[in-house]
Amino acid sequence: MDKKSQKMVYDKQAEILKALAHPIRIAILDFLKDGEQCVCDIAEFAGSERSNVSKHLSVLVSCGVLEFRKEGLKVIYSLKARCIMDFFKCITTCVKQQAKDSENLLKVL
């Protein structure tokens, strides 16, 4: 792959990472890992207003992580790229390791 093409890939990857970098969006993805949900249930889980959650959902759809369908008046969202949950498992492993490192440091102090 040439440098220009590689840069385009890096740019797209960064765009997705930016879209993921919000606690409400992470909560949304966590909630959707078990299957599709309507905005009302997502908002309740995320502890936020529907209008706010809708904005976050829009960001996740535009970066290609989520997809949606309409069912009457309801909009139902689901994970489009289910593999994203593997990424969050990796991040959780990193968080656990940081906590363990901090615990070890406290023991030394």
C-alpha atoms as a PDB file:
ATOM      1  CA  MET A   1       0.000   0.000   0.000  1.00  0.00           C
ATOM      2  CA  ASP A   2       1.389   3.412  -0.905  1.00  0.00           C
ATOM      3  CA  LYS A   3       1.832   6.197   1.656  1.00  0.00           C
ATOM      4  CA  LYS A   4      -1.211   8.161   0.474  1.00  0.00           C
ATOM      5  CA  SER A   5      -3.468   5.125   0.771  1.00  0.00           C
ATOM      6  CA  GLN A   6      -2.032   4.244   4.172  1.00  0.00           C
ATOM      7  CA  LYS A   7      -2.672   7.797   5.398  1.00  0.00           C
ATOM      8  CA  MET A   8      -6.298   7.516   4.260  1.00  0.00           C
ATOM      9  CA  VAL A   9      -6.648   4.305   6.272  1.00  0.00           C
ATOM     10  CA  TYR A  10      -5.087   5.955   9.346  1.00  0.00           C
ATOM     11  CA  ASP A  11      -7.424   8.923   8.967  1.00  0.00           C
ATOM     12  CA  LYS A  12     -10.483   6.646   8.852  1.00  0.00           C
ATOM     13  CA  GLN A  13      -9.253   4.666  11.850  1.00  0.00           C
ATOM     14  CA  ALA A  14      -8.740   7.904  13.797  1.00  0.00           C
ATOM     15  CA  GLU A  15     -12.238   9.037  12.832  1.00  0.00           C
ATOM     16  CA  ILE A  16     -13.712   5.871  14.329  1.00  0.00           C
ATOM     17  CA  LEU A  17     -11.617   6.190  17.490  1.00  0.00           C
ATOM     18  CA  LYS A  18     -12.775   9.802  17.921  1.00  0.00           C
ATOM     19  CA  ALA A  19     -16.378   8.663  17.542  1.00  0.00           C
ATOM     20  CA  LEU A  20     -15.887   6.071  20.280  1.00  0.00           C
ATOM     21  CA  ALA A  21     -14.223   8.506  22.685  1.00  0.00           C
ATOM     22  CA  HIS A  22     -17.250   9.458  24.788  1.00  0.00           C
ATOM     23  CA  PRO A  23     -18.638   7.654  27.862  1.00  0.00           C
ATOM     24  CA  ILE A  24     -22.238   7.752  26.595  1.00  0.00           C
ATOM     25  CA  ARG A  25     -21.188   6.257  23.259  1.00  0.00           C
ATOM     26  CA  ILE A  26     -19.306   3.502  25.045  1.00  0.00           C
ATOM     27  CA  ALA A  27     -22.412   2.823  27.165  1.00  0.00           C
ATOM     28  CA  ILE A  28     -24.523   2.675  24.001  1.00  0.00           C
ATOM     29  CA  LEU A  29     -22.202   0.115  22.431  1.00  0.00           C
ATOM     30  CA  ASP A  30     -22.164  -1.925  25.625  1.00  0.00           C
ATOM     31  CA  PHE A  31     -25.972  -1.930  25.695  1.00  0.00           C
ATOM     32  CA  LEU A  32     -26.244  -2.939  22.046  1.00  0.00           C
ATOM     33  CA  LYS A  33     -23.816  -5.846  22.373  1.00  0.00           C
ATOM     34  CA  ASP A  34     -26.758  -8.054  23.396  1.00  0.00           C
ATOM     35  CA  GLY A  35     -28.917  -7.085  20.422  1.00  0.00           C
ATOM     36  CA  GLU A  36     -30.855  -4.291  18.792  1.00  0.00           C
ATOM     37  CA  GLN A  37     -32.664  -1.677  20.861  1.00  0.00           C
ATOM     38  CA  CYS A  38     -34.886   1.358  20.358  1.00  0.00           C
ATOM     39  CA  VAL A  39     -33.755   4.880  21.227  1.00  0.00           C
ATOM     40  CA  CYS A  40     -36.045   5.013  24.270  1.00  0.00           C
ATOM     41  CA  ASP A  41     -34.390   1.972  25.877  1.00  0.00           C
ATOM     42  CA  ILE A  42     -30.892   3.138  24.915  1.00  0.00           C
ATOM     43  CA  ALA A  43     -31.547   6.551  26.505  1.00  0.00           C
ATOM     44  CA  GLU A  44     -32.784   4.936  29.709  1.00  0.00           C
ATOM     45  CA  PHE A  45     -29.722   2.684  29.910  1.00  0.00           C
ATOM     46  CA  ALA A  46     -27.337   5.561  29.178  1.00  0.00           C
ATOM     47  CA  GLY A  47     -29.079   7.806  31.713  1.00  0.00           C
ATOM     48  CA  SER A  48     -29.447  10.631  29.233  1.00  0.00           C
ATOM     49  CA  GLU A  49     -32.170  12.473  27.327  1.00  0.00           C
ATOM     50  CA  ARG A  50     -33.351  10.947  24.059  1.00  0.00           C
ATOM     51  CA  SER A  51     -32.293  14.007  22.073  1.00  0.00           C
ATOM     52  CA  ASN A  52     -28.759  13.769  23.459  1.00  0.00           C
ATOM     53  CA  VAL A  53     -28.592  10.019  22.857  1.00  0.00           C
ATOM     54  CA  SER A  54     -29.862  10.530  19.306  1.00  0.00           C
ATOM     55  CA  LYS A  55     -26.922  12.825  18.595  1.00  0.00           C
ATOM     56  CA  HIS A  56     -24.490  10.219  19.905  1.00  0.00           C
ATOM     57  CA  LEU A  57     -26.203   7.502  17.883  1.00  0.00           C
ATOM     58  CA  SER A  58     -25.852   9.633  14.772  1.00  0.00           C
ATOM     59  CA  VAL A  59     -22.084   9.899  15.305  1.00  0.00           C
ATOM     60  CA  LEU A  60     -21.793   6.136  15.718  1.00  0.00           C
ATOM     61  CA  VAL A  61     -23.878   5.496  12.598  1.00  0.00           C
ATOM     62  CA  SER A  62     -21.896   7.976  10.512  1.00  0.00           C
ATOM     63  CA  CYS A  63     -18.585   6.297  11.391  1.00  0.00           C
ATOM     64  CA  GLY A  64     -19.985   2.884  10.457  1.00  0.00           C
ATOM     65  CA  VAL A  65     -20.128   1.245  13.866  1.00  0.00           C
ATOM     66  CA  LEU A  66     -23.944   1.177  14.173  1.00  0.00           C
ATOM     67  CA  GLU A  67     -26.830   0.708  11.798  1.00  0.00           C
ATOM     68  CA  PHE A  68     -30.539   1.353  12.216  1.00  0.00           C
ATOM     69  CA  ARG A  69     -33.930   0.470  10.847  1.00  0.00           C
ATOM     70  CA  LYS A  70     -37.348   1.988  11.295  1.00  0.00           C
ATOM     71  CA  GLU A  71     -40.171  -0.003  12.809  1.00  0.00           C
ATOM     72  CA  GLY A  72     -43.268   2.156  12.625  1.00  0.00           C
ATOM     73  CA  LEU A  73     -42.441   5.269  14.630  1.00  0.00           C
ATOM     74  CA  LYS A  74     -39.550   3.600  16.437  1.00  0.00           C
ATOM     75  CA  VAL A  75     -35.944   3.676  15.300  1.00  0.00           C
ATOM     76  CA  ILE A  76     -34.101   0.481  16.184  1.00  0.00           C
ATOM     77  CA  TYR A  77     -30.287   0.481  16.439  1.00  0.00           C
ATOM     78  CA  SER A  78     -27.838  -2.393  16.312  1.00  0.00           C
ATOM     79  CA  LEU A  79     -24.104  -2.994  16.076  1.00  0.00           C
ATOM     80  CA  LYS A  80     -22.941  -3.023  12.473  1.00  0.00           C
ATOM     81  CA  ALA A  81     -19.345  -3.851  13.359  1.00  0.00           C
ATOM     82  CA  ARG A  82     -19.731  -6.376  16.184  1.00  0.00           C
ATOM     83  CA  CYS A  83     -15.953  -6.793  16.276  1.00  0.00           C
ATOM     84  CA  ILE A  84     -15.765  -3.394  18.010  1.00  0.00           C
ATOM     85  CA  MET A  85     -16.608  -5.229  21.243  1.00  0.00           C
ATOM     86  CA  ASP A  86     -13.288  -7.099  20.972  1.00  0.00           C
ATOM     87  CA  PHE A  87     -11.586  -3.705  21.010  1.00  0.00           C
ATOM     88  CA  PHE A  88     -13.391  -2.850  24.251  1.00  0.00           C
ATOM     89  CA  LYS A  89     -12.342  -6.172  25.788  1.00  0.00           C
ATOM     90  CA  CYS A  90      -8.746  -5.185  25.022  1.00  0.00           C
ATOM     91  CA  ILE A  91      -9.257  -1.742  26.590  1.00  0.00           C
ATOM     92  CA  THR A  92     -10.766  -3.356  29.693  1.00  0.00           C
ATOM     93  CA  THR A  93      -7.685  -5.560  29.953  1.00  0.00           C
ATOM     94  CA  CYS A  94      -5.520  -2.417  29.814  1.00  0.00           C
ATOM     95  CA  VAL A  95      -7.607  -0.757  32.550  1.00  0.00           C
ATOM     96  CA  LYS A  96      -7.282  -3.835  34.760  1.00  0.00           C
ATOM     97  CA  GLN A  97      -3.524  -3.872  34.226  1.00  0.00           C
ATOM     98  CA  GLN A  98      -3.292  -0.178  35.139  1.00  0.00           C
ATOM     99  CA  ALA A  99      -5.256  -0.843  38.315  1.00  0.00           C
ATOM    100  CA  LYS A 100      -2.958  -3.749  39.178  1.00  0.00           C
ATOM    101  CA  ASP A 101       0.129  -1.604  38.520  1.00  0.00           C
ATOM    102  CA  SER A 102      -1.273   1.159  40.733  1.00  0.00           C
ATOM    103  CA  GLU A 103      -2.027  -1.355  43.478  1.00  0.00           C
ATOM    104  CA  ASN A 104       1.545  -2.659  43.296  1.00  0.00           C
ATOM    105  CA  LEU A 105       2.895   0.880  43.446  1.00  0.00           C
ATOM    106  CA  LEU A 106       0.814   1.604  46.537  1.00  0.00           C
ATOM    107  CA  LYS A 107       2.244  -1.483  48.235  1.00  0.00           C
ATOM    108  CA  VAL A 108       5.757  -0.203  47.588  1.00  0.00           C
ATOM    109  CA  LEU A 109       4.936   3.217  48.977  1.00  0.00           C
END
